[in-house]
C-alpha cells in the first residue's frame, strides 16, 4: 500500500508541473489530472487505515491501538507527511474547481513542486517491518481536515489574489492573509512564508508607488538603499533569531545561507532583462522576490529558517524606505528623517519582541498596516 502512495506522489511531482506550464497547449480537462492523481493516493491511504495495514509507516506511527473501522478514517491525515498529503489534496481540489489561467498556473506549479518535492518526506509512506500500534492518542483527529481546507484556500483565494493584487478588495486581502497565517501557524512551511512575503511586498510596493509616484532624479539612491539595507537586515535578523544571546557567533557559520539568499536576490534583480518589467521599480521588485523565494527553494539549508521573518519585514518596509533618498521636493528633511528612523527601528524592535510574543501574532501586527489604503496621489515630481 505504502509503495503505491509513494509512486503516485512521484508521478504527481514529475507530470503535473509539465501539464500546468503547458496549459495553453493542453486539452481543457488537463486541470483535473492533479486531483485525480492525489485522490488515488488518498484512496490508497484510506484503504491502509481501513484494513490497519501495518506496512504503512504513518499507520504504525499515528493510529491508536484501540481504533478500528470507520473511526480510523479520522486519522487519515495524521503525521507530518499525512498532513502534507492532506494539504496537497485540497490544493489539487482547488485546481480542479478553479481551472486556473496561465498566469496563475505558474505560481501553482511553483507551489506544487515545493509542497510535494520538499514538503513530503520520500520515506514518509515507505514499507517498514510490522510493529505494534501506538498506545498514545492522536493529537489532531478531526483537526487534520484543516490542512485540505487550507490547500483549497491556497488555489482558490491566495494565488488568484497574488496574481491580480491591483484589483483586489480589502475583504479578499483579509481572507488571503487569514489563510496564509493559519497555514503558517500550523506548519511553519517555507511555502507559507513565501506566499506571505510575496503578497505583503507586492501590496506595499503598489501602494507606495500609487501614493508617491516615480522620482525623476536620484532613483539610483533608492535602489542602492534597497540593496544595502536588505543585506544588513538579513544578516542582523538571521543572527539574532538563531542565537539571541551571542548573535556574532552565527555570522561566520551562516555565510553560505546568507550568500544563497543574496544570490537569489541578485538573480531576481536581473528579471527586467528577461522581460519582467511591468511592475513599479522592476529591479527592486525582482530583488525582493528573489529574497522571498530563496528560503522556499532550499528549505533544508542550515540557518535558512531564521531568515524567513526578517525577509518578510524587509519586503514591507524597504519599498517605503527606498523613496526617502530620492528627489522629492514636497518631502522635507524632517519628514524623511522621521519616516526613516521609524521604519528602520521596526525590525530590531520586532526581533526583540520575538522572545515574548508568538511569531504569528507579530506577523498579524505587521500585516494590519498593509491593509490600510492610502489616498491616491499624483506623482509629486510631475
Protein backbone atom coordinates (compact mmCIF):
# COMPACT_ATOMS: atom_id res chain seq x y z
CA UNK A 1 0.00 0.00 0.00
CA UNK A 2 2.65 2.45 1.02
CA UNK A 3 4.75 1.93 -2.07
CA UNK A 4 1.77 2.77 -4.28
CA UNK A 5 1.35 6.08 -2.44
CA UNK A 6 5.00 6.93 -2.97
CA UNK A 7 4.77 6.09 -6.67
CA UNK A 8 1.65 8.20 -7.14
CA UNK A 9 3.28 11.19 -5.45
CA UNK A 10 6.34 10.74 -7.66
CA UNK A 11 4.14 10.79 -10.76
CA UNK A 12 2.39 13.89 -9.45
CA UNK A 13 5.71 15.65 -8.85
CA UNK A 14 7.07 14.87 -12.32
CA UNK A 15 3.97 15.07 -14.53
CA UNK A 16 1.72 17.78 -13.10
CA UNK A 17 4.21 20.71 -13.43
CA UNK A 18 4.66 19.93 -17.13
CA UNK A 19 0.90 19.84 -17.67
CA UNK A 20 0.33 23.10 -15.81
CA UNK A 21 3.14 25.02 -17.53
CA UNK A 22 1.91 23.84 -20.94
CA UNK A 23 -1.69 24.70 -20.05
CA UNK A 24 -2.35 26.65 -23.28
CA UNK A 25 -1.38 23.70 -25.48
CA UNK A 26 -3.12 21.00 -23.46
CA UNK A 27 -6.73 19.74 -23.56
CA UNK A 28 -9.26 21.63 -21.47
CA UNK A 29 -9.57 18.80 -18.95
CA UNK A 30 -5.87 18.81 -18.02
CA UNK A 31 -6.55 20.76 -14.79
CA UNK A 32 -8.37 17.67 -13.48
CA UNK A 33 -5.27 15.47 -13.63
CA UNK A 34 -3.65 16.71 -10.35
CA UNK A 35 -6.83 15.99 -8.40
CA UNK A 36 -7.17 12.54 -9.98
CA UNK A 37 -3.60 11.52 -9.04
CA UNK A 38 -3.77 12.82 -5.46
CA UNK A 39 -7.24 11.33 -5.00
CA UNK A 40 -5.82 7.90 -5.87
CA UNK A 41 -3.08 8.41 -3.28
CA UNK A 42 -5.66 9.37 -0.65
CA UNK A 43 -7.81 6.33 -1.54
CA UNK A 44 -4.80 4.04 -1.10
CA UNK A 45 -4.12 5.64 2.27
CA UNK A 46 -7.78 5.25 3.32
CA UNK A 47 -7.59 1.56 2.43
CA UNK A 48 -4.42 1.21 4.53
CA UNK A 49 -6.15 2.78 7.52
CA UNK A 50 -9.36 0.81 6.97
CA UNK A 51 -7.54 -2.53 6.94
CA UNK A 52 -4.96 -1.32 9.51
CA UNK A 53 -2.14 -2.20 7.17
CA UNK A 54 0.93 -2.12 9.41
CA UNK A 55 3.25 -1.84 6.42
CA UNK A 56 2.35 1.86 6.21
CA UNK A 57 4.76 3.85 8.39
CA UNK A 58 2.14 6.52 9.02
CA UNK A 59 -0.40 3.96 10.26
CA UNK A 60 2.11 2.44 12.65
CA UNK A 61 3.21 5.79 13.98
CA UNK A 62 -0.09 7.57 14.44
CA UNK A 63 -3.02 5.13 14.63
CA UNK A 64 -4.00 4.37 18.24
CA UNK A 65 -4.31 0.68 19.12
CA UNK A 66 -7.94 0.98 20.20
CA UNK A 67 -9.13 2.46 16.89
CA UNK A 68 -10.64 0.37 14.13
CA UNK A 69 -13.20 0.55 11.35
CA UNK A 70 -14.71 3.90 10.42
CA UNK A 71 -13.02 5.69 13.33
CA UNK A 72 -9.64 5.07 11.69
CA UNK A 73 -10.61 7.36 8.81
CA UNK A 74 -10.39 10.38 11.13
CA UNK A 75 -6.64 9.72 11.29
CA UNK A 76 -6.21 9.72 7.53
CA UNK A 77 -4.01 12.84 7.57
CA UNK A 78 -2.18 12.19 10.85
CA UNK A 79 1.57 12.55 10.93
CA UNK A 80 3.77 15.16 9.21
CA UNK A 81 3.63 13.55 5.78
CA UNK A 82 -0.04 12.70 6.14
CA UNK A 83 -0.82 16.34 6.88
CA UNK A 84 1.12 17.48 3.84
CA UNK A 85 -0.76 14.91 1.75
CA UNK A 86 -4.00 16.46 3.01
CA UNK A 87 -2.73 19.90 2.08
CA UNK A 88 -1.82 18.76 -1.44
CA UNK A 89 -5.22 17.04 -1.72
CA UNK A 90 -7.00 20.31 -1.00
CA UNK A 91 -4.58 22.15 -3.27
CA UNK A 92 -5.37 19.82 -6.19
CA UNK A 93 -9.10 20.10 -5.47
CA UNK A 94 -8.77 23.87 -5.85
CA UNK A 95 -7.06 23.41 -9.24
CA UNK A 96 -9.91 21.13 -10.30
CA UNK A 97 -12.52 23.64 -9.20
CA UNK A 98 -10.93 26.90 -10.39
CA UNK A 99 -9.49 25.83 -13.78
CA UNK A 100 -6.69 28.42 -13.36
CA UNK A 101 -5.45 30.78 -16.06
CA UNK A 102 -1.92 30.62 -17.43
CA UNK A 103 -0.65 33.39 -15.14
CA UNK A 104 -1.98 31.55 -12.09
CA UNK A 105 -0.58 28.23 -13.30
CA UNK A 106 3.00 29.49 -12.96
CA UNK A 107 2.58 30.17 -9.24
CA UNK A 108 0.55 26.99 -8.75
CA UNK A 109 3.34 24.99 -10.40
CA UNK A 110 5.97 26.53 -8.13
CA UNK A 111 3.92 25.78 -5.01
CA UNK A 112 3.17 22.25 -6.28
CA UNK A 113 6.87 21.43 -6.68
CA UNK A 114 7.76 22.93 -3.29
CA UNK A 115 4.91 21.21 -1.43
CA UNK A 116 5.46 17.72 -2.86
CA UNK A 117 9.18 17.84 -3.59
CA UNK A 118 10.28 19.44 -0.32
CA UNK A 119 7.24 19.18 1.96
CA UNK A 120 6.72 15.41 1.90
CA UNK A 121 9.43 13.01 3.02
CA UNK A 122 10.21 10.38 0.39
CA UNK A 123 10.26 7.75 3.16
CA UNK A 124 7.06 9.00 4.74
CA UNK A 125 4.94 6.21 3.25
CA UNK A 126 7.67 3.59 2.87
CA UNK A 127 7.18 -0.01 3.93
CA UNK A 128 8.63 -0.83 7.36
CA UNK A 129 8.68 -4.03 9.47
CA UNK A 130 5.43 -4.79 11.23
CA UNK A 131 5.29 -3.33 14.74
CA UNK A 132 2.63 -2.78 17.34
CA UNK A 133 0.29 0.20 17.07
CA UNK A 134 0.93 3.16 19.31
CA UNK A 135 -0.82 3.38 22.67
CA UNK A 136 -0.81 7.18 22.56
CA UNK A 137 -3.95 9.00 21.40
CA UNK A 138 -3.72 11.03 18.21
CA UNK A 139 -3.20 14.73 18.74
CA UNK A 140 -5.20 16.05 15.76
CA UNK A 141 -8.08 13.67 14.92
CA UNK A 142 -10.66 15.75 13.01
CA UNK A 143 -8.42 18.85 13.16
CA UNK A 144 -6.35 17.21 10.42
CA UNK A 145 -9.09 18.25 8.00
CA UNK A 146 -7.89 21.83 8.34
CA UNK A 147 -5.00 21.04 6.02
CA UNK A 148 -7.16 20.13 2.99
CA UNK A 149 -9.18 23.29 3.61
CA UNK A 150 -6.00 25.38 3.72
CA UNK A 151 -4.79 23.75 0.49
CA UNK A 152 -8.14 24.55 -1.12
CA UNK A 153 -7.85 28.16 0.01
CA UNK A 154 -4.37 28.50 -1.48
CA UNK A 155 -5.55 27.78 -5.02
CA UNK A 156 -8.96 29.43 -4.83
CA UNK A 157 -8.11 32.63 -2.93
CA UNK A 158 -4.41 33.17 -2.18
CA UNK A 159 -2.84 32.60 -5.59
CA UNK A 160 -5.57 34.49 -7.57
CA UNK A 161 -5.07 37.38 -5.14
CA UNK A 162 -1.30 37.31 -5.68
CA UNK A 163 -1.72 37.38 -9.46
CA UNK A 164 -4.27 40.23 -9.52
CA UNK A 165 -3.40 42.37 -6.50
CA UNK A 166 -4.19 45.63 -8.30
CA UNK A 167 -7.90 44.77 -8.44
CA UNK A 168 -8.25 43.06 -5.07
CA UNK A 169 -10.65 44.28 -2.40
CA UNK A 170 -9.79 44.52 1.29
CA UNK A 171 -12.09 41.60 2.27
CA UNK A 172 -10.30 39.38 -0.24
CA UNK A 173 -6.92 40.54 1.06
CA UNK A 174 -8.01 39.83 4.63
CA UNK A 175 -9.17 36.34 3.61
CA UNK A 176 -5.84 35.74 1.87
CA UNK A 177 -3.83 36.71 4.93
CA UNK A 178 -6.05 34.63 7.22
CA UNK A 179 -5.45 31.51 5.12
CA UNK A 180 -1.71 32.09 4.95
CA UNK A 181 -1.41 32.77 8.69
CA UNK A 182 -3.37 29.60 9.52
CA UNK A 183 -1.06 27.70 7.17
CA UNK A 184 1.96 29.31 8.79
CA UNK A 185 0.74 28.72 12.34
CA UNK A 186 0.00 25.03 11.75
CA UNK A 187 3.08 24.08 9.75
CA UNK A 188 5.73 26.87 9.64
CA UNK A 189 6.12 25.85 6.00
CA UNK A 190 8.56 27.85 3.84
CA UNK A 191 5.79 27.97 1.23
CA UNK A 192 3.59 29.85 3.71
CA UNK A 193 6.39 32.36 4.36
CA UNK A 194 6.95 32.69 0.62
CA UNK A 195 3.29 33.48 -0.13
CA UNK A 196 3.06 35.81 2.86
CA UNK A 197 6.17 37.72 1.80
CA UNK A 198 5.18 37.97 -1.87
CA UNK A 199 1.67 39.28 -1.17
CA UNK A 200 2.84 41.75 1.50
CA UNK A 201 5.71 43.07 -0.61
CA UNK A 202 3.58 43.48 -3.73
CA UNK A 203 0.90 45.35 -1.79
CA UNK A 204 3.40 47.69 -0.16
CA UNK A 205 5.20 48.33 -3.46
CA UNK A 206 1.99 49.08 -5.35
CA UNK A 207 0.57 51.30 -2.60
CA UNK A 208 3.69 53.43 -2.17
CA UNK A 209 4.02 53.72 -5.94
CA UNK A 210 0.45 54.99 -6.32
CA UNK A 211 0.93 57.41 -3.41
CA UNK A 212 4.35 58.88 -4.18
CA UNK A 213 4.90 58.03 -7.81
CA UNK A 214 8.25 57.68 -9.56
CA UNK A 215 11.07 60.13 -8.81
CA UNK A 216 12.69 61.81 -11.79
CA UNK A 217 16.10 62.10 -10.12
CA UNK A 218 18.27 60.10 -7.71
CA UNK A 219 16.43 56.83 -8.31
CA UNK A 220 19.80 55.12 -8.08
CA UNK A 221 19.94 56.21 -4.42
CA UNK A 222 16.70 54.37 -3.70
CA UNK A 223 17.96 51.21 -5.39
CA UNK A 224 21.28 51.41 -3.55
CA UNK A 225 19.44 51.79 -0.25
CA UNK A 226 17.27 48.78 -1.16
CA UNK A 227 20.22 46.50 -1.81
CA UNK A 228 22.32 47.72 1.14
CA UNK A 229 19.68 47.82 3.87
CA UNK A 230 18.17 44.50 2.80
CA UNK A 231 21.55 42.80 3.11
CA UNK A 232 22.24 44.35 6.52
CA UNK A 233 18.77 43.49 7.85
CA UNK A 234 19.05 39.86 6.71
CA UNK A 235 22.40 39.46 8.46
CA UNK A 236 21.13 41.10 11.68
CA UNK A 237 17.79 39.27 11.69
CA UNK A 238 19.20 35.82 10.97
CA UNK A 239 21.98 36.20 13.54
CA UNK A 240 19.63 37.42 16.26
CA UNK A 241 16.92 34.78 15.74
CA UNK A 242 19.46 31.96 15.50
CA UNK A 243 21.28 32.98 18.69
CA UNK A 244 19.78 35.88 20.70
CA UNK A 245 22.47 35.56 23.37
CA UNK A 246 25.51 35.51 21.06
CA UNK A 247 24.43 36.67 17.59
CA UNK A 248 28.00 37.40 16.47
CA UNK A 249 28.85 33.71 16.69
CA UNK A 250 26.34 32.94 13.93
CA UNK A 251 27.79 35.30 11.32
CA UNK A 252 30.52 33.02 10.00
CA UNK A 253 28.61 29.67 10.11
CA UNK A 254 25.66 31.27 8.30
CA UNK A 255 27.72 32.74 5.45
CA UNK A 256 26.53 30.16 2.91
CA UNK A 257 22.88 30.72 3.79
CA UNK A 258 23.20 34.50 3.58
CA UNK A 259 25.14 34.14 0.33
CA UNK A 260 22.39 31.93 -1.15
CA UNK A 261 19.67 34.42 -0.19
CA UNK A 262 21.55 37.39 -1.65
CA UNK A 263 22.40 35.40 -4.79
CA UNK A 264 18.68 34.73 -5.34
CA UNK A 265 18.05 38.45 -4.81
CA UNK A 266 20.68 39.42 -7.39
CA UNK A 267 19.21 36.97 -9.92
CA UNK A 268 15.78 38.41 -9.23
CA UNK A 269 17.08 41.93 -9.80
CA UNK A 270 18.02 40.85 -13.34
CA UNK A 271 14.42 39.90 -14.22
CA UNK A 272 13.82 43.17 -16.16
CA UNK A 273 16.40 41.94 -18.69
CA UNK A 274 14.13 38.91 -19.24
CA UNK A 275 11.04 41.00 -19.91
CA UNK A 276 9.51 41.09 -16.42
CA UNK A 277 9.36 44.88 -16.21
CA UNK A 278 5.64 45.53 -15.80
CA UNK A 279 5.86 46.25 -12.06
CA UNK A 280 6.83 49.52 -10.36
CA UNK A 281 10.57 49.55 -9.65
CA UNK A 282 11.21 46.28 -11.50
CA UNK A 283 14.79 45.84 -10.26
CA UNK A 284 13.78 46.31 -6.62
CA UNK A 285 10.69 44.13 -7.08
CA UNK A 286 12.79 41.37 -8.63
CA UNK A 287 15.44 41.66 -5.92
CA UNK A 288 12.91 41.28 -3.11
CA UNK A 289 11.08 38.49 -4.92
CA UNK A 290 14.37 36.60 -5.13
CA UNK A 291 14.98 37.11 -1.41
CA UNK A 292 11.49 35.85 -0.58
CA UNK A 293 11.81 32.77 -2.79
CA UNK A 294 15.28 31.79 -1.53
CA UNK A 295 14.26 30.02 1.76
CA UNK A 296 11.48 28.10 -0.01
CA UNK A 297 13.80 26.89 -2.77
CA UNK A 298 16.30 25.41 -0.29
CA UNK A 299 14.28 24.91 2.93
CA UNK A 300 16.76 22.42 4.42
CA UNK A 301 19.73 24.78 4.18
CA UNK A 302 21.28 25.34 7.61
CA UNK A 303 20.03 28.52 9.35
CA UNK A 304 17.70 29.44 6.48
CA UNK A 305 14.54 29.18 8.60
CA UNK A 306 15.79 32.08 10.72
CA UNK A 307 15.87 34.37 7.69
CA UNK A 308 12.18 33.98 6.82
CA UNK A 309 10.79 36.52 9.27
CA UNK A 310 13.44 39.23 8.55
CA UNK A 311 12.82 38.82 4.81
CA UNK A 312 9.08 39.25 5.41
CA UNK A 313 9.66 42.51 7.33
CA UNK A 314 12.14 43.71 4.71
CA UNK A 315 9.56 43.21 1.95
CA UNK A 316 7.18 45.56 3.77
CA UNK A 317 9.43 48.40 4.95
CA UNK A 318 12.13 48.66 2.26
CA UNK A 319 9.79 49.79 -0.60
CA UNK A 320 8.84 52.78 1.59
CA UNK A 321 12.39 53.45 2.78
CA UNK A 322 13.66 53.42 -0.80
CA UNK A 323 11.61 56.51 -1.65
CA UNK A 324 13.25 58.67 1.04
CA UNK A 325 16.68 59.42 -0.53
CA UNK A 326 15.17 60.18 -3.94
CA UNK A 327 14.48 63.63 -5.33
CA UNK A 328 11.07 64.61 -3.96
CA UNK A 329 10.65 68.38 -3.41
CA UNK A 330 7.43 68.06 -1.41
CA UNK A 331 9.11 65.91 1.27
CA UNK A 332 11.14 67.97 3.73
CA UNK A 333 14.15 66.66 5.60
CA UNK A 334 12.37 66.32 8.95
CA UNK A 335 9.74 64.06 7.41
CA UNK A 336 12.40 61.92 5.74
CA UNK A 337 14.36 61.53 8.99
CA UNK A 338 11.22 60.70 10.98
CA UNK A 339 9.96 58.11 8.48
CA UNK A 340 13.40 56.62 8.07
CA UNK A 341 14.02 56.29 11.82
CA UNK A 342 10.58 54.78 12.39
CA UNK A 343 10.87 52.22 9.61
CA UNK A 344 14.46 51.19 10.41
CA UNK A 345 13.52 50.59 14.05
CA UNK A 346 10.70 48.14 13.16
CA UNK A 347 12.97 45.13 12.58
CA UNK A 348 15.11 45.47 15.76
CA UNK A 349 12.01 46.03 17.91
CA UNK A 350 10.18 43.06 16.40
CA UNK A 351 13.24 40.84 16.83
CA UNK A 352 13.38 41.77 20.50
CA UNK A 353 9.65 41.05 20.91
CA UNK A 354 10.04 37.60 19.32
CA UNK A 355 11.20 36.26 22.69
CA UNK A 356 7.96 37.38 24.35
CA UNK A 357 5.29 37.29 21.63
CA UNK A 358 4.41 34.42 19.27
CA UNK A 359 5.72 34.94 15.77
CA UNK A 360 2.28 34.53 14.21
CA UNK A 361 0.97 37.41 16.35
CA UNK A 362 3.86 39.64 15.26
CA UNK A 363 3.04 38.76 11.65
CA UNK A 364 -0.57 39.83 12.19
CA UNK A 365 0.56 43.13 13.74
CA UNK A 366 2.86 43.76 10.76
CA UNK A 367 0.09 42.96 8.25
CA UNK A 368 -2.55 45.31 9.68
CA UNK A 369 -0.90 48.50 8.29
CA UNK A 370 -0.53 46.77 4.91
CA UNK A 371 -4.33 46.54 4.62
CA UNK A 372 -4.72 50.32 5.02
CA UNK A 373 -5.34 52.00 1.69
CA UNK A 374 -3.74 55.41 1.14
CA UNK A 375 -5.49 58.11 -0.81
CA UNK A 376 -4.19 58.00 -4.36
CA UNK A 377 -1.80 60.86 -5.14
CA UNK A 378 -0.46 62.29 -8.37
CA UNK A 379 3.29 61.90 -8.95
CA UNK A 380 4.99 64.56 -6.85
CA UNK A 381 7.56 65.36 -9.50
CA UNK A 382 5.24 65.90 -12.45
